[in-house]
């Protein structure tokens, strides 16, 4: 199993809209082959920081199966405009 980790810096004042869009986007990622589970946690000390943890069966399920899918384009449209700077995404085994 692979754990995807991304620290998300959401533009100030956009947290509520981000959280609403993330709920919609959750349906996209959770229907992807190889998806196991995910958590989005809001930072206590920094109101506009979140951490996204996604468990995948394999690294390829994320990097190829999800990121090269048509559904990923919808994920990007829902979420990517909230980030500043764009997050680094790392994977752990």
N, C-alpha and C. Protein backbone atom coordinates (compact mmCIF):
# COMPACT_ATOMS: atom_id res chain seq x y z
N UNK A 1 0.84 -1.18 0.00
CA UNK A 1 0.00 0.00 0.00
C UNK A 1 0.89 1.24 0.00
N UNK A 2 0.42 2.27 -0.68
CA UNK A 2 1.15 3.54 -0.80
C UNK A 2 0.32 4.64 -0.14
N UNK A 3 1.00 5.48 0.64
CA UNK A 3 0.35 6.64 1.25
C UNK A 3 0.81 7.89 0.51
N UNK A 4 -0.13 8.57 -0.07
CA UNK A 4 0.11 9.87 -0.71
C UNK A 4 -0.09 10.95 0.35
N UNK A 5 0.86 11.89 0.44
CA UNK A 5 0.78 12.97 1.43
C UNK A 5 0.98 14.30 0.72
N UNK A 6 0.04 15.22 0.96
CA UNK A 6 0.16 16.57 0.40
C UNK A 6 -0.26 17.58 1.46
N UNK A 7 0.61 18.55 1.71
CA UNK A 7 0.27 19.66 2.59
C UNK A 7 -0.30 20.76 1.69
N UNK A 8 -1.53 21.15 1.97
CA UNK A 8 -2.25 22.08 1.11
C UNK A 8 -2.35 23.45 1.78
N UNK A 9 -1.82 24.46 1.10
CA UNK A 9 -1.95 25.84 1.56
C UNK A 9 -3.07 26.46 0.74
N UNK A 10 -4.20 26.69 1.37
CA UNK A 10 -5.36 27.26 0.69
C UNK A 10 -5.30 28.77 0.81
N UNK A 11 -5.61 29.46 -0.29
CA UNK A 11 -5.58 30.92 -0.28
C UNK A 11 -6.48 31.44 0.84
N UNK A 12 -6.00 32.43 1.55
CA UNK A 12 -6.74 32.98 2.70
C UNK A 12 -8.13 33.44 2.29
N UNK A 13 -9.09 33.13 3.14
CA UNK A 13 -10.47 33.50 2.90
C UNK A 13 -11.23 32.53 2.02
N UNK A 14 -10.57 31.49 1.53
CA UNK A 14 -11.22 30.56 0.61
C UNK A 14 -11.43 29.18 1.23
N UNK A 15 -11.24 29.07 2.55
CA UNK A 15 -11.30 27.77 3.21
C UNK A 15 -12.67 27.11 3.08
N UNK A 16 -13.74 27.85 3.31
CA UNK A 16 -15.08 27.25 3.26
C UNK A 16 -15.41 26.74 1.85
N UNK A 17 -15.11 27.56 0.86
CA UNK A 17 -15.36 27.14 -0.52
C UNK A 17 -14.51 25.92 -0.88
N UNK A 18 -13.25 25.91 -0.43
CA UNK A 18 -12.38 24.76 -0.66
C UNK A 18 -12.99 23.50 -0.04
N UNK A 19 -13.43 23.59 1.20
CA UNK A 19 -14.00 22.43 1.88
C UNK A 19 -15.25 21.92 1.16
N UNK A 20 -16.08 22.83 0.67
CA UNK A 20 -17.28 22.42 -0.09
C UNK A 20 -16.88 21.72 -1.38
N UNK A 21 -15.92 22.27 -2.10
CA UNK A 21 -15.47 21.65 -3.33
C UNK A 21 -14.78 20.32 -3.07
N UNK A 22 -14.07 20.23 -1.95
CA UNK A 22 -13.39 18.98 -1.65
C UNK A 22 -14.40 17.85 -1.43
N UNK A 23 -15.54 18.17 -0.82
CA UNK A 23 -16.58 17.15 -0.64
C UNK A 23 -17.03 16.60 -1.99
N UNK A 24 -17.21 17.48 -2.97
CA UNK A 24 -17.57 17.05 -4.32
C UNK A 24 -16.44 16.21 -4.93
N UNK A 25 -15.22 16.69 -4.78
CA UNK A 25 -14.06 16.01 -5.36
C UNK A 25 -13.80 14.66 -4.72
N UNK A 26 -14.21 14.48 -3.48
CA UNK A 26 -14.02 13.21 -2.78
C UNK A 26 -14.69 12.06 -3.52
N UNK A 27 -15.82 12.34 -4.14
CA UNK A 27 -16.53 11.30 -4.90
C UNK A 27 -15.73 10.89 -6.13
N UNK A 28 -14.98 11.83 -6.68
CA UNK A 28 -14.17 11.53 -7.85
C UNK A 28 -13.03 10.59 -7.49
N UNK A 29 -12.27 10.97 -6.47
CA UNK A 29 -11.09 10.17 -6.12
C UNK A 29 -11.49 8.81 -5.57
N UNK A 30 -12.57 8.76 -4.81
CA UNK A 30 -12.95 7.49 -4.17
C UNK A 30 -13.48 6.46 -5.18
N UNK A 31 -13.81 6.90 -6.39
CA UNK A 31 -14.29 5.96 -7.40
C UNK A 31 -13.16 5.46 -8.31
N UNK A 32 -11.94 5.90 -8.05
CA UNK A 32 -10.79 5.53 -8.87
C UNK A 32 -10.29 4.13 -8.51
N UNK A 33 -9.95 3.36 -9.54
CA UNK A 33 -9.40 2.03 -9.30
C UNK A 33 -8.11 2.14 -8.50
N UNK A 34 -7.96 1.32 -7.48
CA UNK A 34 -6.77 1.33 -6.64
C UNK A 34 -6.86 2.24 -5.44
N UNK A 35 -7.90 3.06 -5.39
CA UNK A 35 -8.13 3.93 -4.22
C UNK A 35 -8.51 3.05 -3.04
N UNK A 36 -7.97 3.38 -1.86
CA UNK A 36 -8.31 2.65 -0.63
C UNK A 36 -9.08 3.54 0.33
N UNK A 37 -8.51 4.71 0.66
CA UNK A 37 -9.16 5.63 1.60
C UNK A 37 -8.46 6.98 1.54
N UNK A 38 -9.11 7.99 2.15
CA UNK A 38 -8.46 9.30 2.25
C UNK A 38 -8.95 10.04 3.48
N UNK A 39 -8.14 11.00 3.89
CA UNK A 39 -8.48 11.91 4.99
C UNK A 39 -8.00 13.30 4.61
N UNK A 40 -8.82 14.28 4.91
CA UNK A 40 -8.42 15.68 4.81
C UNK A 40 -8.51 16.25 6.21
N UNK A 41 -7.40 16.76 6.71
CA UNK A 41 -7.35 17.32 8.06
C UNK A 41 -6.99 18.79 7.98
N UNK A 42 -7.68 19.60 8.78
CA UNK A 42 -7.43 21.05 8.85
C UNK A 42 -6.45 21.31 9.99
N UNK A 43 -5.47 22.13 9.72
CA UNK A 43 -4.46 22.48 10.72
C UNK A 43 -5.08 23.34 11.83
N UNK A 44 -4.72 23.07 13.04
CA UNK A 44 -5.22 23.82 14.19
C UNK A 44 -4.53 25.19 14.27
N UNK A 45 -3.22 25.22 14.03
CA UNK A 45 -2.46 26.46 14.19
C UNK A 45 -2.55 27.41 12.99
N UNK A 46 -2.68 26.86 11.80
CA UNK A 46 -2.72 27.68 10.58
C UNK A 46 -4.05 27.44 9.89
N UNK A 47 -4.92 28.43 9.95
CA UNK A 47 -6.31 28.26 9.51
C UNK A 47 -6.47 27.93 8.03
N UNK A 48 -5.47 28.23 7.22
CA UNK A 48 -5.60 27.95 5.79
C UNK A 48 -4.75 26.76 5.33
N UNK A 49 -4.28 25.95 6.28
CA UNK A 49 -3.45 24.79 5.92
C UNK A 49 -4.20 23.51 6.22
N UNK A 50 -4.06 22.55 5.28
CA UNK A 50 -4.68 21.24 5.40
C UNK A 50 -3.63 20.19 5.06
N UNK A 51 -3.89 18.96 5.46
CA UNK A 51 -3.08 17.84 5.00
C UNK A 51 -4.02 16.82 4.38
N UNK A 52 -3.63 16.35 3.22
CA UNK A 52 -4.40 15.33 2.51
C UNK A 52 -3.61 14.04 2.54
N UNK A 53 -4.23 12.99 3.03
CA UNK A 53 -3.64 11.66 3.09
C UNK A 53 -4.52 10.73 2.27
N UNK A 54 -3.92 10.07 1.27
CA UNK A 54 -4.68 9.15 0.43
C UNK A 54 -3.93 7.82 0.39
N UNK A 55 -4.63 6.75 0.69
CA UNK A 55 -4.06 5.41 0.57
C UNK A 55 -4.45 4.82 -0.78
N UNK A 56 -3.43 4.33 -1.48
CA UNK A 56 -3.58 3.69 -2.78
C UNK A 56 -3.03 2.27 -2.70
N UNK A 57 -3.56 1.39 -3.51
CA UNK A 57 -3.01 0.02 -3.56
C UNK A 57 -1.59 0.04 -4.11
N UNK A 58 -1.38 0.82 -5.18
CA UNK A 58 -0.04 0.92 -5.77
C UNK A 58 0.25 2.37 -6.15
N UNK A 59 1.50 2.68 -6.35
CA UNK A 59 1.90 4.01 -6.80
C UNK A 59 1.31 4.30 -8.18
N UNK A 60 1.27 3.30 -9.04
CA UNK A 60 0.73 3.47 -10.39
C UNK A 60 -0.76 3.82 -10.36
N UNK A 61 -1.49 3.29 -9.37
CA UNK A 61 -2.91 3.63 -9.25
C UNK A 61 -3.10 5.13 -9.12
N UNK A 62 -2.20 5.78 -8.41
CA UNK A 62 -2.30 7.24 -8.26
C UNK A 62 -1.72 7.96 -9.47
N UNK A 63 -0.46 7.66 -9.79
CA UNK A 63 0.24 8.44 -10.80
C UNK A 63 -0.25 8.21 -12.22
N UNK A 64 -0.71 7.03 -12.51
CA UNK A 64 -1.18 6.73 -13.86
C UNK A 64 -2.70 6.62 -13.88
N UNK A 65 -3.25 5.73 -13.05
CA UNK A 65 -4.68 5.50 -13.06
C UNK A 65 -5.51 6.74 -12.76
N UNK A 66 -5.11 7.50 -11.75
CA UNK A 66 -5.86 8.70 -11.38
C UNK A 66 -5.42 9.92 -12.17
N UNK A 67 -4.14 10.22 -12.13
CA UNK A 67 -3.66 11.48 -12.72
C UNK A 67 -3.80 11.55 -14.24
N UNK A 68 -3.90 10.42 -14.90
CA UNK A 68 -4.06 10.43 -16.36
C UNK A 68 -5.50 10.18 -16.78
N UNK A 69 -6.42 10.23 -15.83
CA UNK A 69 -7.83 9.97 -16.13
C UNK A 69 -8.58 11.25 -16.46
N UNK A 70 -9.72 11.08 -17.11
CA UNK A 70 -10.60 12.22 -17.37
C UNK A 70 -11.15 12.79 -16.07
N UNK A 71 -11.37 11.92 -15.10
CA UNK A 71 -11.88 12.36 -13.80
C UNK A 71 -10.91 13.31 -13.10
N UNK A 72 -9.62 13.10 -13.32
CA UNK A 72 -8.62 13.98 -12.72
C UNK A 72 -8.78 15.42 -13.23
N UNK A 73 -9.21 15.58 -14.47
CA UNK A 73 -9.42 16.92 -15.00
C UNK A 73 -10.51 17.64 -14.20
N UNK A 74 -11.54 16.91 -13.82
CA UNK A 74 -12.61 17.49 -12.98
C UNK A 74 -12.08 17.81 -11.58
N UNK A 75 -11.27 16.91 -11.02
CA UNK A 75 -10.61 17.12 -9.72
C UNK A 75 -9.80 18.43 -9.76
N UNK A 76 -9.00 18.59 -10.80
CA UNK A 76 -8.19 19.80 -10.96
C UNK A 76 -9.07 21.05 -11.02
N UNK A 77 -10.14 20.97 -11.78
CA UNK A 77 -11.03 22.12 -11.95
C UNK A 77 -11.68 22.51 -10.62
N UNK A 78 -12.01 21.52 -9.81
CA UNK A 78 -12.64 21.79 -8.52
C UNK A 78 -11.66 22.33 -7.48
N UNK A 79 -10.40 21.91 -7.52
CA UNK A 79 -9.51 22.16 -6.38
C UNK A 79 -8.24 22.97 -6.65
N UNK A 80 -7.64 22.82 -7.79
CA UNK A 80 -6.28 23.37 -7.95
C UNK A 80 -6.18 24.88 -7.85
N UNK A 81 -7.25 25.60 -8.13
CA UNK A 81 -7.17 27.07 -8.05
C UNK A 81 -7.15 27.60 -6.61
N UNK A 82 -7.34 26.73 -5.63
CA UNK A 82 -7.31 27.14 -4.22
C UNK A 82 -5.89 27.20 -3.65
N UNK A 83 -4.94 26.54 -4.27
CA UNK A 83 -3.62 26.35 -3.66
C UNK A 83 -2.63 27.46 -4.01
N UNK A 84 -1.92 27.91 -2.96
CA UNK A 84 -0.85 28.88 -3.16
C UNK A 84 0.15 28.75 -2.02
N UNK A 85 1.31 28.19 -2.28
CA UNK A 85 1.80 27.65 -3.55
C UNK A 85 1.18 26.28 -3.85
N UNK A 86 1.44 25.78 -5.05
CA UNK A 86 0.94 24.47 -5.41
C UNK A 86 1.68 23.43 -4.56
N UNK A 87 0.96 22.45 -4.01
CA UNK A 87 1.58 21.52 -3.06
C UNK A 87 2.52 20.50 -3.71
N UNK A 88 3.53 20.13 -2.94
CA UNK A 88 4.37 19.01 -3.29
C UNK A 88 3.65 17.75 -2.81
N UNK A 89 3.57 16.76 -3.66
CA UNK A 89 2.92 15.50 -3.32
C UNK A 89 3.98 14.42 -3.23
N UNK A 90 4.03 13.76 -2.06
CA UNK A 90 5.01 12.71 -1.83
C UNK A 90 4.30 11.39 -1.53
N UNK A 91 5.01 10.28 -1.75
CA UNK A 91 4.44 8.95 -1.55
C UNK A 91 5.31 8.16 -0.58
N UNK A 92 4.65 7.40 0.28
CA UNK A 92 5.34 6.61 1.31
C UNK A 92 4.86 5.17 1.25
N UNK A 93 5.80 4.25 1.51
CA UNK A 93 5.44 2.83 1.51
C UNK A 93 5.45 2.30 2.93
